[in-house]
Amino acid sequence: EQKAFHALKIADRAYVIENGHIAIENTGPGLLADPHIKTVYLGI
């Protein structure tokens, strides 16, 4: 959690889990490129 931005840069797979279920699945860079993910989940 503390270094999510750095981990996502190199992650082959990344998941967003909401209420115990996988809400979003993508590559780390794919999640970082998504404006919705950056705003809602990463606060960027």
C-alpha atoms as a PDB file:
ATOM      1  CA  GLU A   1       0.000   0.000   0.000  1.00  0.00           C
ATOM      2  CA  GLN A   2       2.721   2.465   0.891  1.00  0.00           C
ATOM      3  CA  LYS A   3       4.561   2.108  -2.400  1.00  0.00           C
ATOM      4  CA  ALA A   4       1.694   1.163  -4.704  1.00  0.00           C
ATOM      5  CA  PHE A   5       2.732   3.628  -7.401  1.00  0.00           C
ATOM      6  CA  HIS A   6       6.231   2.143  -7.630  1.00  0.00           C
ATOM      7  CA  ALA A   7       4.976  -1.439  -7.479  1.00  0.00           C
ATOM      8  CA  LEU A   8       2.436  -0.834 -10.243  1.00  0.00           C
ATOM      9  CA  LYS A   9       5.167   0.437 -12.563  1.00  0.00           C
ATOM     10  CA  ILE A  10       6.736  -3.041 -12.649  1.00  0.00           C
ATOM     11  CA  ALA A  11       3.794  -5.352 -11.884  1.00  0.00           C
ATOM     12  CA  ASP A  12       2.827  -7.952 -14.490  1.00  0.00           C
ATOM     13  CA  ARG A  13      -0.675  -8.208 -12.986  1.00  0.00           C
ATOM     14  CA  ALA A  14      -2.523  -5.894 -10.625  1.00  0.00           C
ATOM     15  CA  TYR A  15      -5.922  -6.124  -8.981  1.00  0.00           C
ATOM     16  CA  VAL A  16      -8.306  -3.715  -7.294  1.00  0.00           C
ATOM     17  CA  ILE A  17     -10.337  -5.530  -4.653  1.00  0.00           C
ATOM     18  CA  GLU A  18     -13.623  -4.097  -3.390  1.00  0.00           C
ATOM     19  CA  ASN A  19     -15.709  -5.795  -0.725  1.00  0.00           C
ATOM     20  CA  GLY A  20     -13.663  -8.981  -1.074  1.00  0.00           C
ATOM     21  CA  HIS A  21     -14.145  -9.251  -4.849  1.00  0.00           C
ATOM     22  CA  ILE A  22     -11.846  -8.404  -7.737  1.00  0.00           C
ATOM     23  CA  ALA A  23     -13.308  -5.232  -9.212  1.00  0.00           C
ATOM     24  CA  ILE A  24     -10.558  -4.488 -11.734  1.00  0.00           C
ATOM     25  CA  GLU A  25      -7.715  -6.565 -13.184  1.00  0.00           C
ATOM     26  CA  ASN A  26      -4.984  -5.277 -15.482  1.00  0.00           C
ATOM     27  CA  THR A  27      -1.228  -4.902 -15.757  1.00  0.00           C
ATOM     28  CA  GLY A  28       0.347  -2.497 -13.303  1.00  0.00           C
ATOM     29  CA  PRO A  29       1.194   0.028 -16.023  1.00  0.00           C
ATOM     30  CA  GLY A  30      -2.313  -0.437 -17.433  1.00  0.00           C
ATOM     31  CA  LEU A  31      -3.847   0.582 -14.118  1.00  0.00           C
ATOM     32  CA  LEU A  32      -1.520   3.569 -13.870  1.00  0.00           C
ATOM     33  CA  ALA A  33      -2.580   4.723 -17.330  1.00  0.00           C
ATOM     34  CA  ASP A  34      -6.287   4.666 -16.426  1.00  0.00           C
ATOM     35  CA  PRO A  35      -7.438   8.156 -15.305  1.00  0.00           C
ATOM     36  CA  HIS A  36     -10.315   6.681 -13.258  1.00  0.00           C
ATOM     37  CA  ILE A  37      -7.952   4.406 -11.315  1.00  0.00           C
ATOM     38  CA  LYS A  38      -5.514   7.237 -10.679  1.00  0.00           C
ATOM     39  CA  THR A  39      -8.220   9.545  -9.367  1.00  0.00           C
ATOM     40  CA  VAL A  40     -10.407   7.156  -7.391  1.00  0.00           C
ATOM     41  CA  TYR A  41      -7.942   4.594  -6.062  1.00  0.00           C
ATOM     42  CA  LEU A  42      -4.515   6.234  -6.080  1.00  0.00           C
ATOM     43  CA  GLY A  43      -5.471   9.824  -5.314  1.00  0.00           C
ATOM     44  CA  ILE A  44      -3.262  11.189  -8.079  1.00  0.00           C
END
